[in-house]
Amino acid sequence: MAMALNSNDPRPAYLQVADLLRAQIRTGVLKPGDQLPAGRELSEQYSIASMTVRQALRVLVDEGVVVSRQGKGVFVRSDVSNPAQSLIVDNQVLAELRTIRQEISVLTQRVSALEAQR
């Protein structure tokens, strides 16, 4: 059964899928040590390309929420003592990164304006 992603969400599909999988882990639908569905299954489930699934899984691997085992699959990490707390910290870091990016953008525009005055 295909699940539609939120078409009103401005974020890329891979981030939406990562959030959906993260929510399943946080709520206990997927428990520590559980194997995530295969890439093909996730692709069909969310009606997205396999590359998009790989990007979503890469986000979760980079966050340390899941671990990928070559030839075996992707598994919810069993050594995360409190995944909900880990996600809160990750969200705080992401919020800070967004703020930094916005500040850099403003500074870049100011520098460009100053250089244009020369």
PDB file of N, CA and C in Angstrom:
ATOM      1  N   MET A   1       0.839  -1.174   0.000  1.00  0.00           N
ATOM      2  CA  MET A   1       0.000   0.000   0.000  1.00  0.00           C
ATOM      3  C   MET A   1       0.889   1.244   0.000  1.00  0.00           C
ATOM      4  N   ALA A   2       0.735   2.109  -0.962  1.00  0.00           N
ATOM      5  CA  ALA A   2       1.544   3.313  -1.074  1.00  0.00           C
ATOM      6  C   ALA A   2       1.046   4.373  -0.107  1.00  0.00           C
ATOM      7  N   MET A   3       2.007   5.015   0.548  1.00  0.00           N
ATOM      8  CA  MET A   3       1.685   6.111   1.457  1.00  0.00           C
ATOM      9  C   MET A   3       2.174   7.394   0.797  1.00  0.00           C
ATOM     10  N   ALA A   4       1.307   8.371   0.722  1.00  0.00           N
ATOM     11  CA  ALA A   4       1.672   9.619   0.063  1.00  0.00           C
ATOM     12  C   ALA A   4       2.434  10.509   1.031  1.00  0.00           C
ATOM     13  N   LEU A   5       3.456  11.140   0.517  1.00  0.00           N
ATOM     14  CA  LEU A   5       4.160  12.136   1.298  1.00  0.00           C
ATOM     15  C   LEU A   5       3.360  13.427   1.227  1.00  0.00           C
ATOM     16  N   ASN A   6       3.649  14.332   2.128  1.00  0.00           N
ATOM     17  CA  ASN A   6       2.933  15.601   2.195  1.00  0.00           C
ATOM     18  C   ASN A   6       3.389  16.504   1.055  1.00  0.00           C
ATOM     19  N   SER A   7       2.522  16.705   0.072  1.00  0.00           N
ATOM     20  CA  SER A   7       2.885  17.534  -1.089  1.00  0.00           C
ATOM     21  C   SER A   7       3.001  19.009  -0.716  1.00  0.00           C
ATOM     22  N   ASN A   8       2.450  19.404   0.431  1.00  0.00           N
ATOM     23  CA  ASN A   8       2.555  20.791   0.885  1.00  0.00           C
ATOM     24  C   ASN A   8       3.828  21.047   1.681  1.00  0.00           C
ATOM     25  N   ASP A   9       4.546  19.989   1.986  1.00  0.00           N
ATOM     26  CA  ASP A   9       5.793  20.110   2.738  1.00  0.00           C
ATOM     27  C   ASP A   9       6.889  20.561   1.777  1.00  0.00           C
ATOM     28  N   PRO A  10       7.537  21.696   2.053  1.00  0.00           N
ATOM     29  CA  PRO A  10       8.558  22.196   1.129  1.00  0.00           C
ATOM     30  C   PRO A  10       9.861  21.396   1.161  1.00  0.00           C
ATOM     31  N   ARG A  11      10.007  20.517   2.148  1.00  0.00           N
ATOM     32  CA  ARG A  11      11.239  19.742   2.257  1.00  0.00           C
ATOM     33  C   ARG A  11      11.290  18.648   1.196  1.00  0.00           C
ATOM     34  N   PRO A  12      12.493  18.274   0.794  1.00  0.00           N
ATOM     35  CA  PRO A  12      12.627  17.181  -0.170  1.00  0.00           C
ATOM     36  C   PRO A  12      12.039  15.882   0.383  1.00  0.00           C
ATOM     37  N   ALA A  13      11.637  15.004  -0.524  1.00  0.00           N
ATOM     38  CA  ALA A  13      11.004  13.738  -0.148  1.00  0.00           C
ATOM     39  C   ALA A  13      11.884  12.912   0.771  1.00  0.00           C
ATOM     40  N   TYR A  14      13.196  12.913   0.549  1.00  0.00           N
ATOM     41  CA  TYR A  14      14.052  12.075   1.380  1.00  0.00           C
ATOM     42  C   TYR A  14      14.035  12.526   2.840  1.00  0.00           C
ATOM     43  N   LEU A  15      13.901  13.829   3.091  1.00  0.00           N
ATOM     44  CA  LEU A  15      13.822  14.308   4.470  1.00  0.00           C
ATOM     45  C   LEU A  15      12.485  13.935   5.104  1.00  0.00           C
ATOM     46  N   GLN A  16      11.426  13.968   4.308  1.00  0.00           N
ATOM     47  CA  GLN A  16      10.121  13.558   4.824  1.00  0.00           C
ATOM     48  C   GLN A  16      10.139  12.079   5.205  1.00  0.00           C
ATOM     49  N   VAL A  17      10.726  11.251   4.350  1.00  0.00           N
ATOM     50  CA  VAL A  17      10.796   9.813   4.630  1.00  0.00           C
ATOM     51  C   VAL A  17      11.666   9.568   5.861  1.00  0.00           C
ATOM     52  N   ALA A  18      12.782  10.271   5.967  1.00  0.00           N
ATOM     53  CA  ALA A  18      13.634  10.120   7.148  1.00  0.00           C
ATOM     54  C   ALA A  18      12.850  10.472   8.407  1.00  0.00           C
ATOM     55  N   ASP A  19      12.058  11.530   8.357  1.00  0.00           N
ATOM     56  CA  ASP A  19      11.242  11.920   9.509  1.00  0.00           C
ATOM     57  C   ASP A  19      10.199  10.856   9.842  1.00  0.00           C
ATOM     58  N   LEU A  20       9.574  10.279   8.815  1.00  0.00           N
ATOM     59  CA  LEU A  20       8.569   9.238   9.053  1.00  0.00           C
ATOM     60  C   LEU A  20       9.197   8.002   9.701  1.00  0.00           C
ATOM     61  N   LEU A  21      10.360   7.609   9.221  1.00  0.00           N
ATOM     62  CA  LEU A  21      11.045   6.455   9.804  1.00  0.00           C
ATOM     63  C   LEU A  21      11.519   6.771  11.221  1.00  0.00           C
ATOM     64  N   ARG A  22      12.034   7.982  11.423  1.00  0.00           N
ATOM     65  CA  ARG A  22      12.466   8.416  12.744  1.00  0.00           C
ATOM     66  C   ARG A  22      11.296   8.370  13.731  1.00  0.00           C
ATOM     67  N   ALA A  23      10.122   8.806  13.282  1.00  0.00           N
ATOM     68  CA  ALA A  23       8.928   8.781  14.134  1.00  0.00           C
ATOM     69  C   ALA A  23       8.552   7.345  14.500  1.00  0.00           C
ATOM     70  N   GLN A  24       8.700   6.424  13.551  1.00  0.00           N
ATOM     71  CA  GLN A  24       8.397   5.013  13.837  1.00  0.00           C
ATOM     72  C   GLN A  24       9.358   4.460  14.884  1.00  0.00           C
ATOM     73  N   ILE A  25      10.589   4.921  14.846  1.00  0.00           N
ATOM     74  CA  ILE A  25      11.575   4.480  15.840  1.00  0.00           C
ATOM     75  C   ILE A  25      11.251   5.108  17.196  1.00  0.00           C
ATOM     76  N   ARG A  26      10.951   6.389  17.182  1.00  0.00           N
ATOM     77  CA  ARG A  26      10.656   7.109  18.425  1.00  0.00           C
ATOM     78  C   ARG A  26       9.435   6.527  19.134  1.00  0.00           C
ATOM     79  N   THR A  27       8.419   6.146  18.372  1.00  0.00           N
ATOM     80  CA  THR A  27       7.181   5.644  18.969  1.00  0.00           C
ATOM     81  C   THR A  27       7.214   4.145  19.256  1.00  0.00           C
ATOM     82  N   GLY A  28       8.298   3.469  18.863  1.00  0.00           N
ATOM     83  CA  GLY A  28       8.422   2.056  19.165  1.00  0.00           C
ATOM     84  C   GLY A  28       7.852   1.125  18.115  1.00  0.00           C
ATOM     85  N   VAL A  29       7.354   1.675  17.010  1.00  0.00           N
ATOM     86  CA  VAL A  29       6.892   0.816  15.918  1.00  0.00           C
ATOM     87  C   VAL A  29       8.088   0.017  15.405  1.00  0.00           C
ATOM     88  N   LEU A  30       9.215   0.695  15.279  1.00  0.00           N
ATOM     89  CA  LEU A  30      10.486   0.040  14.963  1.00  0.00           C
ATOM     90  C   LEU A  30      11.325   0.097  16.239  1.00  0.00           C
ATOM     91  N   LYS A  31      11.712  -1.047  16.748  1.00  0.00           N
ATOM     92  CA  LYS A  31      12.425  -1.131  18.013  1.00  0.00           C
ATOM     93  C   LYS A  31      13.922  -1.338  17.782  1.00  0.00           C
ATOM     94  N   PRO A  32      14.749  -1.052  18.802  1.00  0.00           N
ATOM     95  CA  PRO A  32      16.186  -1.308  18.671  1.00  0.00           C
ATOM     96  C   PRO A  32      16.449  -2.740  18.199  1.00  0.00           C
ATOM     97  N   GLY A  33      17.279  -2.852  17.181  1.00  0.00           N
ATOM     98  CA  GLY A  33      17.616  -4.154  16.596  1.00  0.00           C
ATOM     99  C   GLY A  33      16.732  -4.561  15.438  1.00  0.00           C
ATOM    100  N   ASP A  34      15.580  -3.911  15.276  1.00  0.00           N
ATOM    101  CA  ASP A  34      14.683  -4.243  14.160  1.00  0.00           C
ATOM    102  C   ASP A  34      15.315  -3.852  12.832  1.00  0.00           C
ATOM    103  N   GLN A  35      15.025  -4.654  11.819  1.00  0.00           N
ATOM    104  CA  GLN A  35      15.470  -4.345  10.468  1.00  0.00           C
ATOM    105  C   GLN A  35      14.423  -3.470   9.797  1.00  0.00           C
ATOM    106  N   LEU A  36      14.875  -2.412   9.143  1.00  0.00           N
ATOM    107  CA  LEU A  36      13.968  -1.567   8.380  1.00  0.00           C
ATOM    108  C   LEU A  36      13.550  -2.324   7.119  1.00  0.00           C
ATOM    109  N   PRO A  37      12.396  -1.969   6.565  1.00  0.00           N
ATOM    110  CA  PRO A  37      11.998  -2.597   5.299  1.00  0.00           C
ATOM    111  C   PRO A  37      13.077  -2.380   4.234  1.00  0.00           C
ATOM    112  N   ALA A  38      13.134  -3.288   3.294  1.00  0.00           N
ATOM    113  CA  ALA A  38      14.108  -3.189   2.200  1.00  0.00           C
ATOM    114  C   ALA A  38      13.866  -1.921   1.396  1.00  0.00           C
ATOM    115  N   GLY A  39      14.917  -1.445   0.741  1.00  0.00           N
ATOM    116  CA  GLY A  39      14.830  -0.229  -0.061  1.00  0.00           C
ATOM    117  C   GLY A  39      13.709  -0.273  -1.088  1.00  0.00           C
ATOM    118  N   ARG A  40      13.570  -1.400  -1.758  1.00  0.00           N
ATOM    119  CA  ARG A  40      12.517  -1.544  -2.770  1.00  0.00           C
ATOM    120  C   ARG A  40      11.140  -1.393  -2.134  1.00  0.00           C
ATOM    121  N   GLU A  41      10.976  -1.993  -0.961  1.00  0.00           N
ATOM    122  CA  GLU A  41       9.699  -1.920  -0.253  1.00  0.00           C
ATOM    123  C   GLU A  41       9.390  -0.478   0.165  1.00  0.00           C
ATOM    124  N   LEU A  42      10.393   0.215   0.684  1.00  0.00           N
ATOM    125  CA  LEU A  42      10.194   1.620   1.065  1.00  0.00           C
ATOM    126  C   LEU A  42       9.886   2.483  -0.155  1.00  0.00           C
ATOM    127  N   SER A  43      10.564   2.174  -1.255  1.00  0.00           N
ATOM    128  CA  SER A  43      10.326   2.906  -2.499  1.00  0.00           C
ATOM    129  C   SER A  43       8.878   2.760  -2.943  1.00  0.00           C
ATOM    130  N   GLU A  44       8.371   1.547  -2.872  1.00  0.00           N
ATOM    131  CA  GLU A  44       6.977   1.294  -3.254  1.00  0.00           C
ATOM    132  C   GLU A  44       6.012   1.886  -2.226  1.00  0.00           C
ATOM    133  N   GLN A  45       6.356   1.749  -0.952  1.00  0.00           N
ATOM    134  CA  GLN A  45       5.487   2.227   0.124  1.00  0.00           C
ATOM    135  C   GLN A  45       5.248   3.732   0.033  1.00  0.00           C
ATOM    136  N   TYR A  46       6.288   4.493  -0.293  1.00  0.00           N
ATOM    137  CA  TYR A  46       6.170   5.952  -0.342  1.00  0.00           C
ATOM    138  C   TYR A  46       6.092   6.499  -1.770  1.00  0.00           C
ATOM    139  N   SER A  47       6.068   5.611  -2.746  1.00  0.00           N
ATOM    140  CA  SER A  47       6.011   6.018  -4.166  1.00  0.00           C
ATOM    141  C   SER A  47       7.126   6.990  -4.516  1.00  0.00           C
ATOM    142  N   ILE A  48       8.356   6.579  -4.183  1.00  0.00           N
ATOM    143  CA  ILE A  48       9.528   7.403  -4.460  1.00  0.00           C
ATOM    144  C   ILE A  48      10.597   6.552  -5.124  1.00  0.00           C
ATOM    145  N   ALA A  49      11.564   7.207  -5.704  1.00  0.00           N
ATOM    146  CA  ALA A  49      12.672   6.521  -6.376  1.00  0.00           C
ATOM    147  C   ALA A  49      13.598   5.871  -5.347  1.00  0.00           C
ATOM    148  N   SER A  50      14.295   4.842  -5.773  1.00  0.00           N
ATOM    149  CA  SER A  50      15.213   4.143  -4.867  1.00  0.00           C
ATOM    150  C   SER A  50      16.334   5.055  -4.395  1.00  0.00           C
ATOM    151  N   MET A  51      16.760   5.996  -5.224  1.00  0.00           N
ATOM    152  CA  MET A  51      17.798   6.955  -4.822  1.00  0.00           C
ATOM    153  C   MET A  51      17.300   7.817  -3.659  1.00  0.00           C
ATOM    154  N   THR A  52      16.031   8.172  -3.676  1.00  0.00           N
ATOM    155  CA  THR A  52      15.442   8.967  -2.605  1.00  0.00           C
ATOM    156  C   THR A  52      15.435   8.174  -1.304  1.00  0.00           C
ATOM    157  N   VAL A  53      15.139   6.884  -1.392  1.00  0.00           N
ATOM    158  CA  VAL A  53      15.184   6.009  -0.213  1.00  0.00           C
ATOM    159  C   VAL A  53      16.602   5.968   0.334  1.00  0.00           C
ATOM    160  N   ARG A  54      17.579   5.808  -0.552  1.00  0.00           N
ATOM    161  CA  ARG A  54      18.979   5.752  -0.103  1.00  0.00           C
ATOM    162  C   ARG A  54      19.376   7.049   0.601  1.00  0.00           C
ATOM    163  N   GLN A  55      18.911   8.194   0.085  1.00  0.00           N
ATOM    164  CA  GLN A  55      19.220   9.470   0.720  1.00  0.00           C
ATOM    165  C   GLN A  55      18.596   9.542   2.119  1.00  0.00           C
ATOM    166  N   ALA A  56      17.365   9.089   2.257  1.00  0.00           N
ATOM    167  CA  ALA A  56      16.684   9.102   3.555  1.00  0.00           C
ATOM    168  C   ALA A  56      17.430   8.216   4.556  1.00  0.00           C
ATOM    169  N   LEU A  57      17.826   7.041   4.111  1.00  0.00           N
ATOM    170  CA  LEU A  57      18.544   6.124   4.994  1.00  0.00           C
ATOM    171  C   LEU A  57      19.914   6.683   5.368  1.00  0.00           C
ATOM    172  N   ARG A  58      20.545   7.375   4.429  1.00  0.00           N
ATOM    173  CA  ARG A  58      21.850   7.991   4.700  1.00  0.00           C
ATOM    174  C   ARG A  58      21.720   9.035   5.818  1.00  0.00           C
ATOM    175  N   VAL A  59      20.631   9.798   5.793  1.00  0.00           N
ATOM    176  CA  VAL A  59      20.389  10.792   6.846  1.00  0.00           C
ATOM    177  C   VAL A  59      20.325  10.098   8.200  1.00  0.00           C
ATOM    178  N   LEU A  60      19.575   8.998   8.269  1.00  0.00           N
ATOM    179  CA  LEU A  60      19.409   8.281   9.535  1.00  0.00           C
ATOM    180  C   LEU A  60      20.710   7.617   9.983  1.00  0.00           C
ATOM    181  N   VAL A  61      21.483   7.118   9.034  1.00  0.00           N
ATOM    182  CA  VAL A  61      22.791   6.536   9.367  1.00  0.00           C
ATOM    183  C   VAL A  61      23.706   7.634   9.910  1.00  0.00           C
ATOM    184  N   ASP A  62      23.740   8.774   9.232  1.00  0.00           N
ATOM    185  CA  ASP A  62      24.592   9.882   9.669  1.00  0.00           C
ATOM    186  C   ASP A  62      24.204  10.391  11.053  1.00  0.00           C
ATOM    187  N   GLU A  63      22.925  10.321  11.380  1.00  0.00           N
ATOM    188  CA  GLU A  63      22.446  10.747  12.702  1.00  0.00           C
ATOM    189  C   GLU A  63      22.731   9.704  13.771  1.00  0.00           C
ATOM    190  N   GLY A  64      23.087   8.498  13.351  1.00  0.00           N
ATOM    191  CA  GLY A  64      23.350   7.432  14.308  1.00  0.00           C
ATOM    192  C   GLY A  64      22.100   6.736  14.808  1.00  0.00           C
ATOM    193  N   VAL A  65      20.985   6.940  14.124  1.00  0.00           N
ATOM    194  CA  VAL A  65      19.719   6.318  14.522  1.00  0.00           C
ATOM    195  C   VAL A  65      19.653   4.879  14.040  1.00  0.00           C
ATOM    196  N   VAL A  66      20.215   4.629  12.867  1.00  0.00           N
ATOM    197  CA  VAL A  66      20.235   3.282  12.296  1.00  0.00           C
ATOM    198  C   VAL A  66      21.657   2.952  11.866  1.00  0.00           C
ATOM    199  N   VAL A  67      21.876   1.683  11.635  1.00  0.00           N
ATOM    200  CA  VAL A  67      23.172   1.224  11.154  1.00  0.00           C
ATOM    201  C   VAL A  67      22.936   0.359   9.925  1.00  0.00           C
ATOM    202  N   SER A  68      23.775   0.549   8.907  1.00  0.00           N
ATOM    203  CA  SER A  68      23.674  -0.231   7.684  1.00  0.00           C
ATOM    204  C   SER A  68      24.722  -1.339   7.720  1.00  0.00           C
ATOM    205  N   ARG A  69      24.273  -2.566   7.467  1.00  0.00           N
ATOM    206  CA  ARG A  69      25.185  -3.699   7.428  1.00  0.00           C
ATOM    207  C   ARG A  69      25.208  -4.234   6.005  1.00  0.00           C
ATOM    208  N   GLN A  70      26.362  -4.132   5.379  1.00  0.00           N
ATOM    209  CA  GLN A  70      26.529  -4.552   3.993  1.00  0.00           C
ATOM    210  C   GLN A  70      25.990  -5.956   3.776  1.00  0.00           C
ATOM    211  N   GLY A  71      25.090  -6.081   2.811  1.00  0.00           N
ATOM    212  CA  GLY A  71      24.532  -7.376   2.461  1.00  0.00           C
ATOM    213  C   GLY A  71      23.455  -7.885   3.415  1.00  0.00           C
ATOM    214  N   LYS A  72      23.197  -7.160   4.495  1.00  0.00           N
ATOM    215  CA  LYS A  72      22.214  -7.598   5.489  1.00  0.00           C
ATOM    216  C   LYS A  72      20.998  -6.682   5.530  1.00  0.00           C
ATOM    217  N   GLY A  73      21.226  -5.377   5.466  1.00  0.00           N
ATOM    218  CA  GLY A  73      20.132  -4.419   5.546  1.00  0.00           C
ATOM    219  C   GLY A  73      20.442  -3.276   6.483  1.00  0.00           C
ATOM    220  N   VAL A  74      19.405  -2.547   6.827  1.00  0.00           N
ATOM    221  CA  VAL A  74      19.526  -1.395   7.718  1.00  0.00           C
ATOM    222  C   VAL A  74      18.736  -1.709   8.984  1.00  0.00           C
ATOM    223  N   PHE A  75      19.366  -1.468  10.135  1.00  0.00           N
ATOM    224  CA  PHE A  75      18.789  -1.844  11.409  1.00  0.00           C
ATOM    225  C   PHE A  75      18.743  -0.648  12.355  1.00  0.00           C
ATOM    226  N   VAL A  76      17.707  -0.627  13.195  1.00  0.00           N
ATOM    227  CA  VAL A  76      17.620   0.384  14.240  1.00  0.00           C
ATOM    228  C   VAL A  76      18.738   0.084  15.229  1.00  0.00           C
ATOM    229  N   ARG A  77      19.487   1.106  15.575  1.00  0.00           N
ATOM    230  CA  ARG A  77      20.604   0.893  16.498  1.00  0.00           C
ATOM    231  C   ARG A  77      20.099   0.405  17.839  1.00  0.00           C
ATOM    232  N   SER A  78      20.760  -0.598  18.344  1.00  0.00           N
ATOM    233  CA  SER A  78      20.348  -1.155  19.634  1.00  0.00           C
ATOM    234  C   SER A  78      21.118  -0.522  20.777  1.00  0.00           C
ATOM    235  N   ASP A  79      22.167   0.241  20.489  1.00  0.00           N
ATOM    236  CA  ASP A  79      22.972   0.830  21.547  1.00  0.00           C
ATOM    237  C   ASP A  79      22.632   2.293  21.821  1.00  0.00           C
ATOM    238  N   VAL A  80      21.530   2.753  21.269  1.00  0.00           N
ATOM    239  CA  VAL A  80      21.089   4.111  21.574  1.00  0.00           C
ATOM    240  C   VAL A  80      20.211   4.006  22.809  1.00  0.00           C
ATOM    241  N   SER A  81      20.710   4.544  23.911  1.00  0.00           N
ATOM    242  CA  SER A  81      19.998   4.376  25.172  1.00  0.00           C
ATOM    243  C   SER A  81      18.668   5.109  25.196  1.00  0.00           C
ATOM    244  N   ASN A  82      18.621   6.284  24.604  1.00  0.00           N
ATOM    245  CA  ASN A  82      17.377   7.042  24.603  1.00  0.00           C
ATOM    246  C   ASN A  82      17.235   7.730  23.256  1.00  0.00           C
ATOM    247  N   PRO A  83      16.670   7.044  22.256  1.00  0.00           N
ATOM    248  CA  PRO A  83      16.588   7.637  20.928  1.00  0.00           C
ATOM    249  C   PRO A  83      15.788   8.932  20.905  1.00  0.00           C
ATOM    250  N   ALA A  84      14.779   9.049  21.760  1.00  0.00           N
ATOM    251  CA  ALA A  84      13.984  10.285  21.774  1.00  0.00           C
ATOM    252  C   ALA A  84      14.871  11.452  22.175  1.00  0.00           C
ATOM    253  N   GLN A  85      15.720  11.277  23.175  1.00  0.00           N
ATOM    254  CA  GLN A  85      16.624  12.343  23.608  1.00  0.00           C
ATOM    255  C   GLN A  85      17.627  12.667  22.504  1.00  0.00           C
ATOM    256  N   SER A  86      18.115  11.628  21.830  1.00  0.00           N
ATOM    257  CA  SER A  86      19.047  11.821  20.729  1.00  0.00           C
ATOM    258  C   SER A  86      18.419  12.656  19.624  1.00  0.00           C
ATOM    259  N   LEU A  87      17.142  12.412  19.342  1.00  0.00           N
ATOM    260  CA  LEU A  87      16.451  13.160  18.297  1.00  0.00           C
ATOM    261  C   LEU A  87      16.252  14.610  18.707  1.00  0.00           C
ATOM    262  N   ILE A  88      15.996  14.845  19.993  1.00  0.00           N
ATOM    263  CA  ILE A  88      15.848  16.216  20.469  1.00  0.00           C
ATOM    264  C   ILE A  88      17.146  16.973  20.259  1.00  0.00           C
ATOM    265  N   VAL A  89      18.262  16.369  20.617  1.00  0.00           N
ATOM    266  CA  VAL A  89      19.560  17.004  20.431  1.00  0.00           C
ATOM    267  C   VAL A  89      19.810  17.254  18.952  1.00  0.00           C
ATOM    268  N   ASP A  90      19.526  16.266  18.109  1.00  0.00           N
ATOM    269  CA  ASP A  90      19.710  16.428  16.672  1.00  0.00           C
ATOM    270  C   ASP A  90      18.880  17.588  16.143  1.00  0.00           C
ATOM    271  N   ASN A  91      17.636  17.706  16.598  1.00  0.00           N
ATOM    272  CA  ASN A  91      16.777  18.802  16.143  1.00  0.00           C
ATOM    273  C   ASN A  91      17.310  20.143  16.610  1.00  0.00           C
ATOM    274  N   GLN A  92      17.878  20.201  17.811  1.00  0.00           N
ATOM    275  CA  GLN A  92      18.471  21.447  18.297  1.00  0.00           C
ATOM    276  C   GLN A  92      19.671  21.831  17.446  1.00  0.00           C
ATOM    277  N   VAL A  93      20.494  20.862  17.115  1.00  0.00           N
ATOM    278  CA  VAL A  93      21.667  21.126  16.275  1.00  0.00           C
ATOM    279  C   VAL A  93      21.225  21.599  14.890  1.00  0.00           C
ATOM    280  N   LEU A  94      20.209  20.951  14.331  1.00  0.00           N
ATOM    281  CA  LEU A  94      19.707  21.354  13.022  1.00  0.00           C
ATOM    282  C   LEU A  94      19.154  22.775  13.061  1.00  0.00           C
ATOM    283  N   ALA A  95      18.459  23.122  14.127  1.00  0.00           N
ATOM    284  CA  ALA A  95      17.922  24.485  14.252  1.00  0.00           C
ATOM    285  C   ALA A  95      19.062  25.500  14.311  1.00  0.00           C
ATOM    286  N   GLU A  96      20.111  25.172  15.047  1.00  0.00           N
ATOM    287  CA  GLU A  96      21.264  26.071  15.128  1.00  0.00           C
ATOM    288  C   GLU A  96      21.947  26.194  13.773  1.00  0.00           C
ATOM    289  N   LEU A  97      22.057  25.102  13.043  1.00  0.00           N
ATOM    290  CA  LEU A  97      22.664  25.154  11.710  1.00  0.00           C
ATOM    291  C   LEU A  97      21.847  26.026  10.764  1.00  0.00           C
ATOM    292  N   ARG A  98      20.528  25.925  10.841  1.00  0.00           N
ATOM    293  CA  ARG A  98      19.676  26.779  10.008  1.00  0.00           C
ATOM    294  C   ARG A  98      19.918  28.250  10.313  1.00  0.00           C
ATOM    295  N   THR A  99      20.019  28.576  11.602  1.00  0.00           N
ATOM    296  CA  THR A  99      20.275  29.958  12.008  1.00  0.00           C
ATOM    297  C   THR A  99      21.618  30.439  11.466  1.00  0.00           C
ATOM    298  N   ILE A 100      22.627  29.603  11.579  1.00  0.00           N
ATOM    299  CA  ILE A 100      23.955  29.961  11.073  1.00  0.00           C
ATOM    300  C   ILE A 100      23.912  30.176   9.572  1.00  0.00           C
ATOM    301  N   ARG A 101      23.232  29.304   8.845  1.00  0.00           N
ATOM    302  CA  ARG A 101      23.119  29.458   7.387  1.00  0.00           C
ATOM    303  C   ARG A 101      22.440  30.772   7.024  1.00  0.00           C
ATOM    304  N   GLN A 102      21.381  31.117   7.764  1.00  0.00           N
ATOM    305  CA  GLN A 102      20.681  32.372   7.486  1.00  0.00           C
ATOM    306  C   GLN A 102      21.609  33.561   7.726  1.00  0.00           C
ATOM    307  N   GLU A 103      22.372  33.500   8.823  1.00  0.00           N
ATOM    308  CA  GLU A 103      23.301  34.587   9.127  1.00  0.00           C
ATOM    309  C   GLU A 103      24.389  34.692   8.065  1.00  0.00           C
ATOM    310  N   ILE A 104      24.880  33.566   7.597  1.00  0.00           N
ATOM    311  CA  ILE A 104      25.896  33.572   6.531  1.00  0.00           C
ATOM    312  C   ILE A 104      25.315  34.175   5.258  1.00  0.00           C
ATOM    313  N   SER A 105      24.088  33.826   4.957  1.00  0.00           N
ATOM    314  CA  SER A 105      23.431  34.369   3.769  1.00  0.00           C
ATOM    315  C   SER A 105      23.330  35.888   3.852  1.00  0.00           C
ATOM    316  N   VAL A 106      22.939  36.396   5.013  1.00  0.00           N
ATOM    317  CA  VAL A 106      22.842  37.848   5.205  1.00  0.00           C
ATOM    318  C   VAL A 106      24.219  38.490   5.040  1.00  0.00           C
ATOM    319  N   LEU A 107      25.238  37.889   5.639  1.00  0.00           N
ATOM    320  CA  LEU A 107      26.587  38.431   5.521  1.00  0.00           C
ATOM    321  C   LEU A 107      27.094  38.398   4.080  1.00  0.00           C
ATOM    322  N   THR A 108      26.783  37.332   3.373  1.00  0.00           N
ATOM    323  CA  THR A 108      27.187  37.216   1.967  1.00  0.00           C
ATOM    324  C   THR A 108      26.558  38.324   1.135  1.00  0.00           C
ATOM    325  N   GLN A 109      25.290  38.607   1.392  1.00  0.00           N
ATOM    326  CA  GLN A 109      24.606  39.683   0.672  1.00  0.00           C
ATOM    327  C   GLN A 109      25.225  41.036   1.003  1.00  0.00           C
ATOM    328  N   ARG A 110      25.576  41.250   2.254  1.00  0.00           N
ATOM    329  CA  ARG A 110      26.188  42.528   2.662  1.00  0.00           C
ATOM    330  C   ARG A 110      27.544  42.703   2.010  1.00  0.00           C
ATOM    331  N   VAL A 111      28.347  41.629   1.981  1.00  0.00           N
ATOM    332  CA  VAL A 111      29.663  41.701   1.346  1.00  0.00           C
ATOM    333  C   VAL A 111      29.502  41.992  -0.149  1.00  0.00           C
ATOM    334  N   SER A 112      28.560  41.329  -0.786  1.00  0.00           N
ATOM    335  CA  SER A 112      28.320  41.574  -2.221  1.00  0.00           C
ATOM    336  C   SER A 112      27.929  43.026  -2.474  1.00  0.00           C
ATOM    337  N   ALA A 113      27.091  43.575  -1.611  1.00  0.00           N
ATOM    338  CA  ALA A 113      26.667  44.971  -1.757  1.00  0.00           C
ATOM    339  C   ALA A 113      27.857  45.902  -1.582  1.00  0.00           C
ATOM    340  N   LEU A 114      28.716  45.617  -0.607  1.00  0.00           N
ATOM    341  CA  LEU A 114      29.901  46.450  -0.391  1.00  0.00           C
ATOM    342  C   LEU A 114      30.863  46.379  -1.577  1.00  0.00           C
ATOM    343  N   GLU A 115      31.045  45.185  -2.109  1.00  0.00           N
ATOM    344  CA  GLU A 115      31.944  45.019  -3.265  1.00  0.00           C
ATOM    345  C   GLU A 115      31.394  45.715  -4.496  1.00  0.00           C
ATOM    346  N   ALA A 116      30.088  45.776  -4.617  1.00  0.00           N
ATOM    347  CA  ALA A 116      29.465  46.442  -5.752  1.00  0.00           C
ATOM    348  C   ALA A 116      29.669  47.953  -5.696  1.00  0.00           C
ATOM    349  N   GLN A 117      29.888  48.489  -4.498  1.00  0.00           N
ATOM    350  CA  GLN A 117      30.075  49.926  -4.331  1.00  0.00           C
ATOM    351  C   GLN A 117      31.480  50.366  -4.728  1.00  0.00           C
ATOM    352  N   ARG A 118      32.395  49.458  -4.861  1.00  0.00           N
ATOM    353  CA  ARG A 118      33.783  49.819  -5.207  1.00  0.00           C
ATOM    354  C   ARG A 118      33.918  50.335  -6.573  1.00  0.00           C
TER     355      ARG A 118
END
